[in-house]
Amino acid sequence: MLKLKSLLTEEPILGKTGVVGLSKIDKDQAQAAMGSGAEDGDTGDDKVAGGKTKIAVGKLKPAQTELIKGKAFGMLVDFLLRNKYKNADLGNIVSNDNYIMDGHHRWAAIFLIDPKSSVNVTQIDLPGQALVTVLNTVTVGRMGISKGNVGKGNIADFTGAELEKSIDDAMANGIPGEFPKTVEEVTKALGLVPGANGDAQAGKQLVMKNADAMPKQKMPGAPARVEMPVIDADKVALVQKQLEKGMIDIRPPFSGDVSATMKDHFQKIANIIK
């Protein structure tokens, strides 16, 4: 078995965050880390608690800023018409400091409907900055993916004033694209916003208010979307179980030889995730 020398290239960790972008994860060493957590001389050091939990969507925070306003609004209308925003499953992983690793458009759509609405997520007992590095290691080592999704849009556009433009256009012309909806469907959906009581204009104002309240700053130290993990919804439970069992070598002692430079990098990560 290939010895684990480093999950990182010689590129130093950004500041003290320990965040390592997807392209900086060494493929061979990431593959070596998979399953070697029990082979590093300590069978329990790599175990990380986690599992399904319910949380108010308003308590979650973005780990990226690349969000498409029109896509989130289209999801909003669809969720309202199908009454699928209550206790929805975001199908994603969330850090113990409530940063979401993926599913940002679903999060944004439900936030715009009602920040108090509860959603189901898989929460891992690691802070977001460390979790990005761990999940990037899994993305490369287990999924064989070394380049993330290219993000578009900007969460800064999620304001009441900007949403009003999108809503007015949708109420006049409907919604084309990935989530097409007629004018009638858009009007009906806005009337279903909690507190609107069937009044589309009241629903519009509530959505605008929620947009202004949406957090706009991404997680400190988070890289661009293309450098973020790619863990599909159907792989979330598998990743969580592997971390829970300590199968992934993420804490010292590490299997194999580790250079002095890499020990320093690893220790910075360990200081965050201990």
C-alpha atoms as a PDB file:
ATOM      1  CA  MET A   1       0.000   0.000   0.000  1.00  0.00           C
ATOM      2  CA  LEU A   2       1.248   3.484  -0.859  1.00  0.00           C
ATOM      3  CA  LYS A   3       2.471   5.286   2.236  1.00  0.00           C
ATOM      4  CA  LEU A   4       0.747   8.518   3.113  1.00  0.00           C
ATOM      5  CA  LYS A   5       3.344  11.280   2.890  1.00  0.00           C
ATOM      6  CA  SER A   6       1.057  14.227   2.327  1.00  0.00           C
ATOM      7  CA  LEU A   7      -2.426  15.181   1.259  1.00  0.00           C
ATOM      8  CA  LEU A   8      -1.015  18.504   0.118  1.00  0.00           C
ATOM      9  CA  THR A   9       1.410  19.818  -2.450  1.00  0.00           C
ATOM     10  CA  GLU A  10       4.183  22.143  -1.302  1.00  0.00           C
ATOM     11  CA  GLU A  11       1.745  25.078  -1.542  1.00  0.00           C
ATOM     12  CA  PRO A  12       1.487  26.412   2.032  1.00  0.00           C
ATOM     13  CA  ILE A  13      -1.843  26.436   3.819  1.00  0.00           C
ATOM     14  CA  LEU A  14      -3.677  29.734   3.578  1.00  0.00           C
ATOM     15  CA  GLY A  15      -2.940  31.601   6.795  1.00  0.00           C
ATOM     16  CA  LYS A  16      -3.930  29.525   9.816  1.00  0.00           C
ATOM     17  CA  THR A  17      -7.181  28.204   8.425  1.00  0.00           C
ATOM     18  CA  GLY A  18      -5.885  24.909   7.069  1.00  0.00           C
ATOM     19  CA  VAL A  19      -8.174  25.259   4.015  1.00  0.00           C
ATOM     20  CA  VAL A  20      -6.721  23.422   1.031  1.00  0.00           C
ATOM     21  CA  GLY A  21      -8.352  23.831  -2.380  1.00  0.00           C
ATOM     22  CA  LEU A  22      -9.282  20.825  -4.500  1.00  0.00           C
ATOM     23  CA  SER A  23      -6.456  21.339  -7.012  1.00  0.00           C
ATOM     24  CA  LYS A  24      -3.880  21.344  -4.183  1.00  0.00           C
ATOM     25  CA  ILE A  25      -4.764  17.837  -3.012  1.00  0.00           C
ATOM     26  CA  ASP A  26      -2.271  15.217  -4.181  1.00  0.00           C
ATOM     27  CA  LYS A  27      -4.165  12.364  -5.880  1.00  0.00           C
ATOM     28  CA  ASP A  28      -1.906   9.489  -4.800  1.00  0.00           C
ATOM     29  CA  GLN A  29      -1.725  10.609  -1.209  1.00  0.00           C
ATOM     30  CA  ALA A  30      -5.466  11.289  -1.045  1.00  0.00           C
ATOM     31  CA  GLN A  31      -6.097   7.751  -2.259  1.00  0.00           C
ATOM     32  CA  ALA A  32      -3.661   6.471   0.362  1.00  0.00           C
ATOM     33  CA  ALA A  33      -5.589   8.279   3.095  1.00  0.00           C
ATOM     34  CA  MET A  34      -8.793   6.467   2.209  1.00  0.00           C
ATOM     35  CA  GLY A  35      -9.193   3.504   4.549  1.00  0.00           C
ATOM     36  CA  SER A  36      -5.851   4.003   6.318  1.00  0.00           C
ATOM     37  CA  GLY A  37      -7.231   5.735   9.416  1.00  0.00           C
ATOM     38  CA  ALA A  38      -7.099   2.451  11.341  1.00  0.00           C
ATOM     39  CA  GLU A  39      -3.561   1.710  10.139  1.00  0.00           C
ATOM     40  CA  ASP A  40      -1.702   4.692  11.577  1.00  0.00           C
ATOM     41  CA  GLY A  41      -1.019   3.332  15.042  1.00  0.00           C
ATOM     42  CA  ASP A  42      -4.142   4.814  16.618  1.00  0.00           C
ATOM     43  CA  THR A  43      -7.477   3.194  15.803  1.00  0.00           C
ATOM     44  CA  GLY A  44      -9.596   5.974  17.289  1.00  0.00           C
ATOM     45  CA  ASP A  45      -7.893   9.278  16.470  1.00  0.00           C
ATOM     46  CA  ASP A  46      -9.601   9.761  13.098  1.00  0.00           C
ATOM     47  CA  LYS A  47     -13.158   9.145  14.260  1.00  0.00           C
ATOM     48  CA  VAL A  48     -15.441  12.127  13.660  1.00  0.00           C
ATOM     49  CA  ALA A  49     -19.007  12.202  14.929  1.00  0.00           C
ATOM     50  CA  GLY A  50     -21.825  13.181  12.622  1.00  0.00           C
ATOM     51  CA  GLY A  51     -25.233  12.318  11.262  1.00  0.00           C
ATOM     52  CA  LYS A  52     -28.621  13.584  10.208  1.00  0.00           C
ATOM     53  CA  THR A  53     -29.958  16.573  12.095  1.00  0.00           C
ATOM     54  CA  LYS A  54     -32.713  19.160  11.756  1.00  0.00           C
ATOM     55  CA  ILE A  55     -31.881  22.861  11.829  1.00  0.00           C
ATOM     56  CA  ALA A  56     -33.556  26.160  10.949  1.00  0.00           C
ATOM     57  CA  VAL A  57     -32.388  27.183   7.502  1.00  0.00           C
ATOM     58  CA  GLY A  58     -31.709  30.685   8.837  1.00  0.00           C
ATOM     59  CA  LYS A  59     -28.930  29.294  11.047  1.00  0.00           C
ATOM     60  CA  LEU A  60     -26.992  27.923   8.088  1.00  0.00           C
ATOM     61  CA  LYS A  61     -24.252  29.951   6.403  1.00  0.00           C
ATOM     62  CA  PRO A  62     -22.769  29.831   2.890  1.00  0.00           C
ATOM     63  CA  ALA A  63     -19.310  28.488   2.117  1.00  0.00           C
ATOM     64  CA  GLN A  64     -19.448  30.013  -1.373  1.00  0.00           C
ATOM     65  CA  THR A  65     -20.703  33.239  -2.915  1.00  0.00           C
ATOM     66  CA  GLU A  66     -21.460  31.847  -6.382  1.00  0.00           C
ATOM     67  CA  LEU A  67     -25.249  31.630  -6.444  1.00  0.00           C
ATOM     68  CA  ILE A  68     -27.609  32.292  -9.338  1.00  0.00           C
ATOM     69  CA  LYS A  69     -30.539  34.440  -8.286  1.00  0.00           C
ATOM     70  CA  GLY A  70     -32.891  33.188 -10.999  1.00  0.00           C
ATOM     71  CA  LYS A  71     -32.174  29.530 -10.220  1.00  0.00           C
ATOM     72  CA  ALA A  72     -32.896  30.004  -6.517  1.00  0.00           C
ATOM     73  CA  PHE A  73     -36.116  31.891  -7.251  1.00  0.00           C
ATOM     74  CA  GLY A  74     -37.253  29.167  -9.647  1.00  0.00           C
ATOM     75  CA  MET A  75     -36.678  26.586  -6.899  1.00  0.00           C
ATOM     76  CA  LEU A  76     -38.575  28.824  -4.465  1.00  0.00           C
ATOM     77  CA  VAL A  77     -41.664  28.823  -6.669  1.00  0.00           C
ATOM     78  CA  ASP A  78     -41.434  25.055  -7.196  1.00  0.00           C
ATOM     79  CA  PHE A  79     -41.001  24.353  -3.469  1.00  0.00           C
ATOM     80  CA  LEU A  80     -44.007  26.521  -2.587  1.00  0.00           C
ATOM     81  CA  LEU A  81     -46.302  24.972  -5.206  1.00  0.00           C
ATOM     82  CA  ARG A  82     -45.398  21.454  -4.063  1.00  0.00           C
ATOM     83  CA  ASN A  83     -45.188  22.382  -0.363  1.00  0.00           C
ATOM     84  CA  LYS A  84     -41.720  20.813  -0.301  1.00  0.00           C
ATOM     85  CA  TYR A  85     -39.824  23.397   1.724  1.00  0.00           C
ATOM     86  CA  LYS A  86     -41.036  22.247   5.145  1.00  0.00           C
ATOM     87  CA  ASN A  87     -38.594  19.756   6.664  1.00  0.00           C
ATOM     88  CA  ALA A  88     -36.871  19.469   3.299  1.00  0.00           C
ATOM     89  CA  ASP A  89     -33.681  17.431   3.041  1.00  0.00           C
ATOM     90  CA  LEU A  90     -30.892  19.553   1.563  1.00  0.00           C
ATOM     91  CA  GLY A  91     -28.954  16.360   0.783  1.00  0.00           C
ATOM     92  CA  ASN A  92     -25.701  17.988   1.819  1.00  0.00           C
ATOM     93  CA  ILE A  93     -22.970  18.117   4.446  1.00  0.00           C
ATOM     94  CA  VAL A  94     -22.786  20.895   7.036  1.00  0.00           C
ATOM     95  CA  SER A  95     -19.917  21.744   9.397  1.00  0.00           C
ATOM     96  CA  ASN A  96     -20.305  22.028  13.163  1.00  0.00           C
ATOM     97  CA  ASP A  97     -20.197  25.822  12.786  1.00  0.00           C
ATOM     98  CA  ASN A  98     -23.122  25.577  10.343  1.00  0.00           C
ATOM     99  CA  TYR A  99     -21.387  26.226   7.008  1.00  0.00           C
ATOM    100  CA  ILE A 100     -22.977  24.331   4.132  1.00  0.00           C
ATOM    101  CA  MET A 101     -20.607  22.547   1.797  1.00  0.00           C
ATOM    102  CA  ASP A 102     -23.094  22.184  -1.060  1.00  0.00           C
ATOM    103  CA  GLY A 103     -26.786  22.647  -1.836  1.00  0.00           C
ATOM    104  CA  HIS A 104     -26.518  26.426  -1.732  1.00  0.00           C
ATOM    105  CA  HIS A 105     -29.387  27.055  -4.160  1.00  0.00           C
ATOM    106  CA  ARG A 106     -31.770  24.848  -2.192  1.00  0.00           C
ATOM    107  CA  TRP A 107     -30.671  26.620   0.979  1.00  0.00           C
ATOM    108  CA  ALA A 108     -31.196  30.043  -0.612  1.00  0.00           C
ATOM    109  CA  ALA A 109     -34.641  29.147  -1.980  1.00  0.00           C
ATOM    110  CA  ILE A 110     -35.914  27.971   1.408  1.00  0.00           C
ATOM    111  CA  PHE A 111     -34.293  30.915   3.214  1.00  0.00           C
ATOM    112  CA  LEU A 112     -36.186  33.281   0.895  1.00  0.00           C
ATOM    113  CA  ILE A 113     -39.436  31.478   1.711  1.00  0.00           C
ATOM    114  CA  ASP A 114     -38.970  31.354   5.485  1.00  0.00           C
ATOM    115  CA  PRO A 115     -35.657  31.529   7.422  1.00  0.00           C
ATOM    116  CA  LYS A 116     -37.394  29.835  10.363  1.00  0.00           C
ATOM    117  CA  SER A 117     -38.255  26.760   8.316  1.00  0.00           C
ATOM    118  CA  SER A 118     -36.462  23.586   9.439  1.00  0.00           C
ATOM    119  CA  VAL A 119     -34.381  21.527   7.020  1.00  0.00           C
ATOM    120  CA  ASN A 120     -32.576  18.204   7.335  1.00  0.00           C
ATOM    121  CA  VAL A 121     -28.819  18.065   6.787  1.00  0.00           C
ATOM    122  CA  THR A 122     -25.906  15.759   7.541  1.00  0.00           C
ATOM    123  CA  GLN A 123     -23.753  17.563  10.082  1.00  0.00           C
ATOM    124  CA  ILE A 124     -20.109  16.585  10.603  1.00  0.00           C
ATOM    125  CA  ASP A 125     -18.369  17.505  13.854  1.00  0.00           C
ATOM    126  CA  LEU A 126     -15.614  19.527  12.193  1.00  0.00           C
ATOM    127  CA  PRO A 127     -15.412  23.305  11.674  1.00  0.00           C
ATOM    128  CA  GLY A 128     -15.978  24.439   8.109  1.00  0.00           C
ATOM    129  CA  GLN A 129     -12.387  25.399   7.380  1.00  0.00           C
ATOM    130  CA  ALA A 130     -11.106  21.921   8.248  1.00  0.00           C
ATOM    131  CA  LEU A 131     -14.108  20.160   6.711  1.00  0.00           C
ATOM    132  CA  VAL A 132     -13.378  21.647   3.278  1.00  0.00           C
ATOM    133  CA  THR A 133      -9.904  20.102   3.303  1.00  0.00           C
ATOM    134  CA  VAL A 134     -11.182  16.751   4.543  1.00  0.00           C
ATOM    135  CA  LEU A 135     -13.966  16.612   1.949  1.00  0.00           C
ATOM    136  CA  ASN A 136     -11.600  17.739  -0.796  1.00  0.00           C
ATOM    137  CA  THR A 137      -9.385  14.805   0.180  1.00  0.00           C
ATOM    138  CA  VAL A 138     -12.391  12.485  -0.159  1.00  0.00           C
ATOM    139  CA  THR A 139     -13.402  14.122  -3.458  1.00  0.00           C
ATOM    140  CA  VAL A 140      -9.979  13.367  -4.946  1.00  0.00           C
ATOM    141  CA  GLY A 141      -9.164  10.123  -3.159  1.00  0.00           C
ATOM    142  CA  ARG A 142     -12.570   8.403  -3.236  1.00  0.00           C
ATOM    143  CA  MET A 143     -14.502  10.094  -6.040  1.00  0.00           C
ATOM    144  CA  GLY A 144     -11.549  10.596  -8.393  1.00  0.00           C
ATOM    145  CA  ILE A 145     -12.531  14.220  -8.985  1.00  0.00           C
ATOM    146  CA  SER A 146      -9.780  16.835  -8.996  1.00  0.00           C
ATOM    147  CA  LYS A 147     -11.710  19.809 -10.379  1.00  0.00           C
ATOM    148  CA  GLY A 148     -14.840  21.198  -8.797  1.00  0.00           C
ATOM    149  CA  ASN A 149     -17.950  22.716 -10.302  1.00  0.00           C
ATOM    150  CA  VAL A 150     -17.591  26.132 -11.873  1.00  0.00           C
ATOM    151  CA  GLY A 151     -19.780  28.553  -9.951  1.00  0.00           C
ATOM    152  CA  LYS A 152     -21.850  31.340 -11.449  1.00  0.00           C
ATOM    153  CA  GLY A 153     -23.804  34.236 -10.001  1.00  0.00           C
ATOM    154  CA  ASN A 154     -23.191  36.200  -6.827  1.00  0.00           C
ATOM    155  CA  ILE A 155     -24.923  36.032  -3.456  1.00  0.00           C
ATOM    156  CA  ALA A 156     -24.484  39.811  -3.255  1.00  0.00           C
ATOM    157  CA  ASP A 157     -27.371  40.008  -5.758  1.00  0.00           C
ATOM    158  CA  PHE A 158     -29.726  38.419  -3.220  1.00  0.00           C
ATOM    159  CA  THR A 159     -31.171  41.685  -1.957  1.00  0.00           C
ATOM    160  CA  GLY A 160     -34.738  42.896  -1.736  1.00  0.00           C
ATOM    161  CA  ALA A 161     -34.207  45.423  -4.518  1.00  0.00           C
ATOM    162  CA  GLU A 162     -32.666  42.862  -6.875  1.00  0.00           C
ATOM    163  CA  LEU A 163     -35.240  40.184  -6.057  1.00  0.00           C
ATOM    164  CA  GLU A 164     -38.042  42.655  -6.744  1.00  0.00           C
ATOM    165  CA  LYS A 165     -36.851  42.930 -10.349  1.00  0.00           C
ATOM    166  CA  SER A 166     -36.845  39.147 -10.756  1.00  0.00           C
ATOM    167  CA  ILE A 167     -40.230  38.749  -9.066  1.00  0.00           C
ATOM    168  CA  ASP A 168     -41.899  41.477 -11.114  1.00  0.00           C
ATOM    169  CA  ASP A 169     -40.560  39.939 -14.326  1.00  0.00           C
ATOM    170  CA  ALA A 170     -41.744  36.469 -13.295  1.00  0.00           C
ATOM    171  CA  MET A 171     -45.196  37.768 -12.361  1.00  0.00           C
ATOM    172  CA  ALA A 172     -45.454  39.374 -15.793  1.00  0.00           C
ATOM    173  CA  ASN A 173     -43.783  36.741 -17.973  1.00  0.00           C
ATOM    174  CA  GLY A 174     -43.409  33.533 -15.981  1.00  0.00           C
ATOM    175  CA  ILE A 175     -40.130  31.691 -15.454  1.00  0.00           C
ATOM    176  CA  PRO A 176     -38.222  30.020 -18.319  1.00  0.00           C
ATOM    177  CA  GLY A 177     -35.254  27.671 -18.077  1.00  0.00           C
ATOM    178  CA  GLU A 178     -34.498  24.832 -15.680  1.00  0.00           C
ATOM    179  CA  PHE A 179     -37.577  25.399 -13.496  1.00  0.00           C
ATOM    180  CA  PRO A 180     -40.195  26.839 -15.916  1.00  0.00           C
ATOM    181  CA  LYS A 181     -43.357  28.246 -14.377  1.00  0.00           C
ATOM    182  CA  THR A 182     -46.331  30.170 -15.763  1.00  0.00           C
ATOM    183  CA  VAL A 183     -47.448  33.600 -14.573  1.00  0.00           C
ATOM    184  CA  GLU A 184     -50.354  31.957 -12.789  1.00  0.00           C
ATOM    185  CA  GLU A 185     -48.063  29.516 -10.999  1.00  0.00           C
ATOM    186  CA  VAL A 186     -45.698  32.286  -9.890  1.00  0.00           C
ATOM    187  CA  THR A 187     -48.604  34.349  -8.543  1.00  0.00           C
ATOM    188  CA  LYS A 188     -50.057  31.373  -6.708  1.00  0.00           C
ATOM    189  CA  ALA A 189     -46.684  30.458  -5.214  1.00  0.00           C
ATOM    190  CA  LEU A 190     -46.054  33.949  -3.847  1.00  0.00           C
ATOM    191  CA  GLY A 191     -49.417  33.836  -2.136  1.00  0.00           C
ATOM    192  CA  LEU A 192     -48.261  30.658  -0.382  1.00  0.00           C
ATOM    193  CA  VAL A 193     -45.277  32.336   1.311  1.00  0.00           C
ATOM    194  CA  PRO A 194     -45.823  31.990   5.101  1.00  0.00           C
ATOM    195  CA  GLY A 195     -47.619  35.129   6.257  1.00  0.00           C
ATOM    196  CA  ALA A 196     -48.850  36.156   2.791  1.00  0.00           C
ATOM    197  CA  ASN A 197     -52.290  34.594   3.298  1.00  0.00           C
ATOM    198  CA  GLY A 198     -52.880  34.155  -0.414  1.00  0.00           C
ATOM    199  CA  ASP A 199     -51.763  37.677  -1.363  1.00  0.00           C
ATOM    200  CA  ALA A 200     -48.989  37.517  -3.984  1.00  0.00           C
ATOM    201  CA  GLN A 201     -47.913  41.101  -3.361  1.00  0.00           C
ATOM    202  CA  ALA A 202     -47.594  40.397   0.360  1.00  0.00           C
ATOM    203  CA  GLY A 203     -45.577  37.284  -0.486  1.00  0.00           C
ATOM    204  CA  LYS A 204     -43.327  39.348  -2.696  1.00  0.00           C
ATOM    205  CA  GLN A 205     -42.588  41.761   0.140  1.00  0.00           C
ATOM    206  CA  LEU A 206     -41.800  38.895   2.507  1.00  0.00           C
ATOM    207  CA  VAL A 207     -39.379  37.333   0.011  1.00  0.00           C
ATOM    208  CA  MET A 208     -37.670  40.706  -0.445  1.00  0.00           C
ATOM    209  CA  LYS A 209     -37.343  41.107   3.317  1.00  0.00           C
ATOM    210  CA  ASN A 210     -35.845  37.630   3.649  1.00  0.00           C
ATOM    211  CA  ALA A 211     -33.395  38.372   0.851  1.00  0.00           C
ATOM    212  CA  ASP A 212     -32.058  41.383   2.735  1.00  0.00           C
ATOM    213  CA  ALA A 213     -31.591  39.193   5.825  1.00  0.00           C
ATOM    214  CA  MET A 214     -29.671  36.477   3.974  1.00  0.00           C
ATOM    215  CA  PRO A 215     -25.985  36.251   5.016  1.00  0.00           C
ATOM    216  CA  LYS A 216     -23.792  37.466   2.161  1.00  0.00           C
ATOM    217  CA  GLN A 217     -20.306  36.625   3.440  1.00  0.00           C
ATOM    218  CA  LYS A 218     -18.903  33.193   2.653  1.00  0.00           C
ATOM    219  CA  MET A 219     -16.885  31.174   5.129  1.00  0.00           C
ATOM    220  CA  PRO A 220     -13.520  32.823   5.933  1.00  0.00           C
ATOM    221  CA  GLY A 221     -10.720  31.130   4.022  1.00  0.00           C
ATOM    222  CA  ALA A 222     -13.074  29.286   1.674  1.00  0.00           C
ATOM    223  CA  PRO A 223     -11.681  28.945  -1.864  1.00  0.00           C
ATOM    224  CA  ALA A 224     -13.576  29.600  -5.092  1.00  0.00           C
ATOM    225  CA  ARG A 225     -16.401  27.180  -5.992  1.00  0.00           C
ATOM    226  CA  VAL A 226     -14.175  25.300  -8.429  1.00  0.00           C
ATOM    227  CA  GLU A 227     -11.848  24.469  -5.501  1.00  0.00           C
ATOM    228  CA  MET A 228     -14.645  23.207  -3.228  1.00  0.00           C
ATOM    229  CA  PRO A 229     -15.629  19.561  -2.544  1.00  0.00           C
ATOM    230  CA  VAL A 230     -17.884  17.589  -4.884  1.00  0.00           C
ATOM    231  CA  ILE A 231     -19.888  15.129  -2.775  1.00  0.00           C
ATOM    232  CA  ASP A 232     -23.141  14.154  -4.506  1.00  0.00           C
ATOM    233  CA  ALA A 233     -26.236  13.675  -2.348  1.00  0.00           C
ATOM    234  CA  ASP A 234     -26.139   9.895  -2.781  1.00  0.00           C
ATOM    235  CA  LYS A 235     -22.570   9.785  -1.402  1.00  0.00           C
ATOM    236  CA  VAL A 236     -23.168  11.973   1.681  1.00  0.00           C
ATOM    237  CA  ALA A 237     -24.184   9.132   4.008  1.00  0.00           C
ATOM    238  CA  LEU A 238     -21.207   6.999   2.897  1.00  0.00           C
ATOM    239  CA  VAL A 239     -18.719   9.799   3.601  1.00  0.00           C
ATOM    240  CA  GLN A 240     -20.302  10.506   6.989  1.00  0.00           C
ATOM    241  CA  LYS A 241     -20.076   6.833   7.993  1.00  0.00           C
ATOM    242  CA  GLN A 242     -16.434   6.577   6.928  1.00  0.00           C
ATOM    243  CA  LEU A 243     -15.541   9.591   9.043  1.00  0.00           C
ATOM    244  CA  GLU A 244     -17.576   8.275  11.953  1.00  0.00           C
ATOM    245  CA  LYS A 245     -15.689   4.970  11.845  1.00  0.00           C
ATOM    246  CA  GLY A 246     -12.300   6.725  11.554  1.00  0.00           C
ATOM    247  CA  MET A 247     -11.525   5.154   8.189  1.00  0.00           C
ATOM    248  CA  ILE A 248      -9.982   8.297   6.683  1.00  0.00           C
ATOM    249  CA  ASP A 249      -6.533   9.311   7.945  1.00  0.00           C
ATOM    250  CA  ILE A 250      -7.053  12.974   8.884  1.00  0.00           C
ATOM    251  CA  ARG A 251      -5.337  13.353  12.279  1.00  0.00           C
ATOM    252  CA  PRO A 252      -1.832  12.571  13.521  1.00  0.00           C
ATOM    253  CA  PRO A 253      -0.300  10.057  13.844  1.00  0.00           C
ATOM    254  CA  PHE A 254      -0.384   9.483  10.097  1.00  0.00           C
ATOM    255  CA  SER A 255       0.347   6.256   8.269  1.00  0.00           C
ATOM    256  CA  GLY A 256       3.657   6.281   6.448  1.00  0.00           C
ATOM    257  CA  ASP A 257       6.489   8.772   6.522  1.00  0.00           C
ATOM    258  CA  VAL A 258       5.723  12.469   6.763  1.00  0.00           C
ATOM    259  CA  SER A 259       8.355  15.100   5.980  1.00  0.00           C
ATOM    260  CA  ALA A 260       9.027  17.900   8.465  1.00  0.00           C
ATOM    261  CA  THR A 261       7.340  20.404   6.170  1.00  0.00           C
ATOM    262  CA  MET A 262       4.267  18.224   5.760  1.00  0.00           C
ATOM    263  CA  LYS A 263       4.110  17.586   9.510  1.00  0.00           C
ATOM    264  CA  ASP A 264       3.774  21.329   9.973  1.00  0.00           C
ATOM    265  CA  HIS A 265       0.948  21.490   7.410  1.00  0.00           C
ATOM    266  CA  PHE A 266      -0.817  18.532   8.975  1.00  0.00           C
ATOM    267  CA  GLN A 267      -0.474  19.976  12.453  1.00  0.00           C
ATOM    268  CA  LYS A 268      -2.173  23.211  11.377  1.00  0.00           C
ATOM    269  CA  ILE A 269      -5.130  21.150  10.170  1.00  0.00           C
ATOM    270  CA  ALA A 270      -5.051  19.024  13.320  1.00  0.00           C
ATOM    271  CA  ASN A 271      -5.159  22.148  15.488  1.00  0.00           C
ATOM    272  CA  ILE A 272      -8.470  23.042  13.848  1.00  0.00           C
ATOM    273  CA  ILE A 273     -10.112  19.622  13.866  1.00  0.00           C
ATOM    274  CA  LYS A 274      -8.965  18.351  17.262  1.00  0.00           C
END
